[in-house]
């Protein structure tokens, strides 16, 4: 599992700077064009003399340029936020329904405060894997992992926490085994996300069997 964030390369940073510069330049150009058109309208509306119209047009254009830049920037932020909300609304229901899993994960954090840093890294890696694997819609292995992340993992964590032994030693042991299993699963998802080969199919099969075996133990105990 990746314990450190992946930093962009120099070429990626330069590309990002270039794209940002183009966006800013485009924003200023559009704002200036709108300011000039507005200035022309104001000039024709308030003056009859050509020189006066030109002077008022230039003065109005420069006066309105910055307000138009601010307005365009706010409009772009509103549009991007709207697109983001629409994208969230289009996500599968399983991803939207993960509020219960977040609560269960907080329960796990409260039961293992000494493992908070480790659990945070595990959760971050799983979230990145889900985002990346969800884009590989035609990959059956990626789809299977998404199902495990969206359904089996939350179910496993909930069952494990709802069925903890009454004694402190048993609780620590079961919580520790759960954390180890989830960490192994996060590592496998991370390798699959990064397309690192080598025993993936065998490890995936083992992890699925362990998931199902532990879930079956809880179901049998009901």
Protein backbone atom coordinates (compact mmCIF):
# COMPACT_ATOMS: atom_id res chain seq x y z
CA UNK A 1 0.00 0.00 0.00
CA UNK A 2 1.23 3.47 -0.81
CA UNK A 3 2.09 5.25 2.43
CA UNK A 4 3.17 8.50 0.76
CA UNK A 5 1.33 10.63 -1.80
CA UNK A 6 2.46 10.41 -5.40
CA UNK A 7 3.85 13.80 -6.40
CA UNK A 8 3.44 14.98 -10.01
CA UNK A 9 6.49 14.95 -12.25
CA UNK A 10 8.15 18.12 -13.55
CA UNK A 11 6.50 17.76 -16.95
CA UNK A 12 3.09 17.32 -15.33
CA UNK A 13 3.63 20.42 -13.18
CA UNK A 14 4.75 22.45 -16.22
CA UNK A 15 1.70 21.27 -18.16
CA UNK A 16 -0.51 22.28 -15.24
CA UNK A 17 1.09 25.74 -15.09
CA UNK A 18 0.63 26.17 -18.86
CA UNK A 19 -3.03 25.13 -18.76
CA UNK A 20 -3.67 27.45 -15.83
CA UNK A 21 -1.97 30.33 -17.68
CA UNK A 22 -4.08 29.70 -20.76
CA UNK A 23 -7.26 29.69 -18.66
CA UNK A 24 -6.32 33.00 -17.00
CA UNK A 25 -5.37 34.62 -20.32
CA UNK A 26 -8.63 33.45 -21.89
CA UNK A 27 -10.58 34.79 -18.95
CA UNK A 28 -8.93 38.22 -19.29
CA UNK A 29 -9.42 38.28 -23.07
CA UNK A 30 -13.13 37.47 -22.81
CA UNK A 31 -13.55 40.05 -20.05
CA UNK A 32 -11.79 42.72 -22.12
CA UNK A 33 -13.97 41.95 -25.14
CA UNK A 34 -17.14 42.27 -23.07
CA UNK A 35 -15.82 45.47 -21.48
CA UNK A 36 -15.11 47.00 -24.91
CA UNK A 37 -18.57 46.10 -26.21
CA UNK A 38 -20.15 47.57 -23.10
CA UNK A 39 -17.99 50.69 -23.45
CA UNK A 40 -19.07 51.16 -27.06
CA UNK A 41 -22.69 50.94 -25.99
CA UNK A 42 -22.15 53.45 -23.20
CA UNK A 43 -20.24 55.80 -25.54
CA UNK A 44 -23.02 55.83 -28.12
CA UNK A 45 -25.64 56.29 -25.42
CA UNK A 46 -24.12 59.30 -23.63
CA UNK A 47 -22.21 61.23 -26.34
CA UNK A 48 -22.84 62.47 -29.88
CA UNK A 49 -19.30 63.58 -30.67
CA UNK A 50 -17.04 60.90 -32.16
CA UNK A 51 -14.01 61.85 -30.08
CA UNK A 52 -16.14 61.88 -26.95
CA UNK A 53 -17.55 58.48 -27.84
CA UNK A 54 -14.04 57.07 -28.31
CA UNK A 55 -12.87 58.57 -25.00
CA UNK A 56 -15.88 57.28 -23.08
CA UNK A 57 -15.57 53.88 -24.74
CA UNK A 58 -11.92 53.51 -23.69
CA UNK A 59 -12.59 54.82 -20.19
CA UNK A 60 -15.57 52.52 -19.73
CA UNK A 61 -13.73 49.51 -21.16
CA UNK A 62 -10.84 49.83 -18.69
CA UNK A 63 -13.23 50.59 -15.82
CA UNK A 64 -15.37 47.53 -16.56
CA UNK A 65 -12.52 45.14 -17.39
CA UNK A 66 -11.75 44.05 -13.81
CA UNK A 67 -15.42 43.64 -12.78
CA UNK A 68 -15.97 41.45 -15.83
CA UNK A 69 -12.90 39.34 -14.90
CA UNK A 70 -14.29 38.85 -11.39
CA UNK A 71 -17.72 38.02 -12.78
CA UNK A 72 -16.36 35.45 -15.23
CA UNK A 73 -14.24 33.85 -12.47
CA UNK A 74 -17.28 33.53 -10.21
CA UNK A 75 -19.35 32.13 -13.05
CA UNK A 76 -16.68 29.50 -13.75
CA UNK A 77 -16.57 28.51 -10.08
CA UNK A 78 -20.37 28.20 -10.02
CA UNK A 79 -20.36 26.14 -13.22
CA UNK A 80 -17.61 23.82 -11.94
CA UNK A 81 -19.42 23.36 -8.62
CA UNK A 82 -22.64 22.54 -10.49
CA UNK A 83 -20.83 19.99 -12.66
CA UNK A 84 -19.29 18.47 -9.53
CA UNK A 85 -22.70 18.10 -7.91
CA UNK A 86 -24.07 16.50 -11.07
CA UNK A 87 -21.13 14.09 -11.16
CA UNK A 88 -21.77 13.11 -7.55
CA UNK A 89 -25.43 12.57 -8.32
CA UNK A 90 -24.46 10.23 -11.17
CA UNK A 91 -22.27 8.02 -8.95
CA UNK A 92 -23.50 4.51 -8.20
CA UNK A 93 -25.83 4.23 -5.21
CA UNK A 94 -23.28 2.06 -3.41
CA UNK A 95 -20.83 4.95 -3.33
CA UNK A 96 -23.45 7.42 -2.13
CA UNK A 97 -24.58 5.06 0.62
CA UNK A 98 -21.18 4.90 2.29
CA UNK A 99 -22.15 7.22 5.14
CA UNK A 100 -22.78 4.17 7.32
CA UNK A 101 -19.36 2.82 6.41
CA UNK A 102 -17.78 6.13 7.43
CA UNK A 103 -19.49 5.83 10.81
CA UNK A 104 -18.28 2.25 11.20
CA UNK A 105 -14.77 3.33 10.25
CA UNK A 106 -14.91 5.98 12.97
CA UNK A 107 -15.94 3.24 15.40
CA UNK A 108 -12.90 1.25 14.33
CA UNK A 109 -10.69 4.30 14.88
CA UNK A 110 -12.10 4.75 18.38
CA UNK A 111 -11.43 1.09 19.20
CA UNK A 112 -7.81 1.28 17.99
CA UNK A 113 -6.58 4.82 18.76
CA UNK A 114 -2.95 3.68 18.61
CA UNK A 115 -3.52 2.63 14.97
CA UNK A 116 -5.08 5.93 13.87
CA UNK A 117 -2.24 6.87 11.49
CA UNK A 118 -2.15 3.39 10.01
CA UNK A 119 -5.93 3.29 9.57
CA UNK A 120 -5.95 6.73 7.96
CA UNK A 121 -3.37 5.56 5.42
CA UNK A 122 -5.41 2.41 4.75
CA UNK A 123 -8.63 4.36 4.21
CA UNK A 124 -6.90 6.90 1.95
CA UNK A 125 -5.42 4.12 -0.19
CA UNK A 126 -8.79 2.34 -0.50
CA UNK A 127 -10.53 5.58 -1.51
CA UNK A 128 -7.91 6.27 -4.20
CA UNK A 129 -8.19 2.71 -5.46
CA UNK A 130 -11.99 2.92 -5.66
CA UNK A 131 -11.78 6.14 -7.65
CA UNK A 132 -9.22 4.70 -10.08
CA UNK A 133 -10.78 1.25 -10.43
CA UNK A 134 -14.22 2.73 -10.97
CA UNK A 135 -13.00 4.26 -14.23
CA UNK A 136 -12.11 0.81 -15.62
CA UNK A 137 -15.74 -0.08 -16.29
CA UNK A 138 -14.95 -2.84 -18.81
CA UNK A 139 -12.36 -4.57 -16.62
CA UNK A 140 -14.06 -7.49 -14.77
CA UNK A 141 -11.30 -7.71 -12.14
CA UNK A 142 -11.59 -3.99 -11.40
CA UNK A 143 -15.37 -4.37 -11.20
CA UNK A 144 -15.02 -7.23 -8.70
CA UNK A 145 -12.73 -5.13 -6.51
CA UNK A 146 -15.21 -2.23 -6.64
CA UNK A 147 -17.93 -4.60 -5.45
CA UNK A 148 -15.71 -5.71 -2.58
CA UNK A 149 -14.95 -2.09 -1.65
CA UNK A 150 -18.56 -0.89 -1.95
CA UNK A 151 -20.38 -3.86 -0.40
CA UNK A 152 -18.28 -6.59 1.19
CA UNK A 153 -15.78 -4.35 3.00
CA UNK A 154 -18.43 -2.18 4.72
CA UNK A 155 -20.41 -5.33 5.58
CA UNK A 156 -17.32 -7.01 7.01
CA UNK A 157 -16.32 -4.02 9.15
CA UNK A 158 -19.88 -3.61 10.46
CA UNK A 159 -20.25 -7.31 11.32
CA UNK A 160 -16.85 -7.45 13.00
CA UNK A 161 -17.59 -4.40 15.17
CA UNK A 162 -21.13 -5.54 16.01
CA UNK A 163 -19.88 -8.95 17.11
CA UNK A 164 -16.83 -8.16 19.25
CA UNK A 165 -15.94 -10.50 22.14
CA UNK A 166 -16.88 -9.26 25.63
CA UNK A 167 -13.35 -9.50 27.02
CA UNK A 168 -10.71 -6.85 26.33
CA UNK A 169 -8.12 -9.34 25.05
CA UNK A 170 -10.61 -10.85 22.61
CA UNK A 171 -11.70 -7.44 21.40
CA UNK A 172 -8.11 -6.34 20.79
CA UNK A 173 -7.35 -9.58 18.95
CA UNK A 174 -10.42 -9.34 16.67
CA UNK A 175 -9.85 -5.64 15.94
CA UNK A 176 -6.18 -6.36 15.17
CA UNK A 177 -7.10 -9.20 12.79
CA UNK A 178 -9.65 -6.96 11.07
CA UNK A 179 -7.09 -4.17 10.60
CA UNK A 180 -4.53 -6.65 9.21
CA UNK A 181 -7.08 -8.06 6.74
CA UNK A 182 -8.24 -4.63 5.58
CA UNK A 183 -4.61 -3.52 5.18
CA UNK A 184 -3.81 -6.56 3.01
CA UNK A 185 -6.89 -5.80 0.94
CA UNK A 186 -5.84 -2.13 0.57
CA UNK A 187 -2.37 -3.22 -0.56
CA UNK A 188 -3.84 -5.53 -3.18
CA UNK A 189 -6.18 -2.80 -4.44
CA UNK A 190 -3.23 -0.39 -4.56
CA UNK A 191 -1.17 -2.83 -6.66
CA UNK A 192 -4.14 -3.44 -8.95
CA UNK A 193 -4.69 0.32 -9.20
CA UNK A 194 -1.05 0.84 -10.18
CA UNK A 195 -1.12 -2.19 -12.53
CA UNK A 196 1.65 -4.01 -10.69
CA UNK A 197 1.58 -7.69 -11.70
CA UNK A 198 2.78 -10.70 -9.82
CA UNK A 199 0.42 -13.08 -8.02
CA UNK A 200 -2.52 -10.71 -8.24
CA UNK A 201 -5.09 -13.32 -9.22
CA UNK A 202 -4.03 -15.73 -6.48
CA UNK A 203 -3.92 -13.05 -3.81
CA UNK A 204 -7.30 -11.68 -4.90
CA UNK A 205 -8.83 -15.15 -4.62
CA UNK A 206 -7.35 -15.62 -1.14
CA UNK A 207 -8.62 -12.24 0.04
CA UNK A 208 -12.11 -12.91 -1.30
CA UNK A 209 -12.21 -16.28 0.49
CA UNK A 210 -11.08 -14.65 3.73
CA UNK A 211 -13.75 -11.96 3.36
CA UNK A 212 -16.47 -14.51 2.74
CA UNK A 213 -15.23 -16.83 5.50
CA UNK A 214 -15.28 -14.11 8.14
CA UNK A 215 -18.69 -12.89 6.97
CA UNK A 216 -19.99 -16.45 7.04
CA UNK A 217 -18.78 -16.83 10.63
CA UNK A 218 -20.85 -13.81 11.65
CA UNK A 219 -23.92 -14.99 9.73
CA UNK A 220 -23.68 -18.45 11.29
CA UNK A 221 -23.59 -16.88 14.73
CA UNK A 222 -26.90 -15.04 14.20
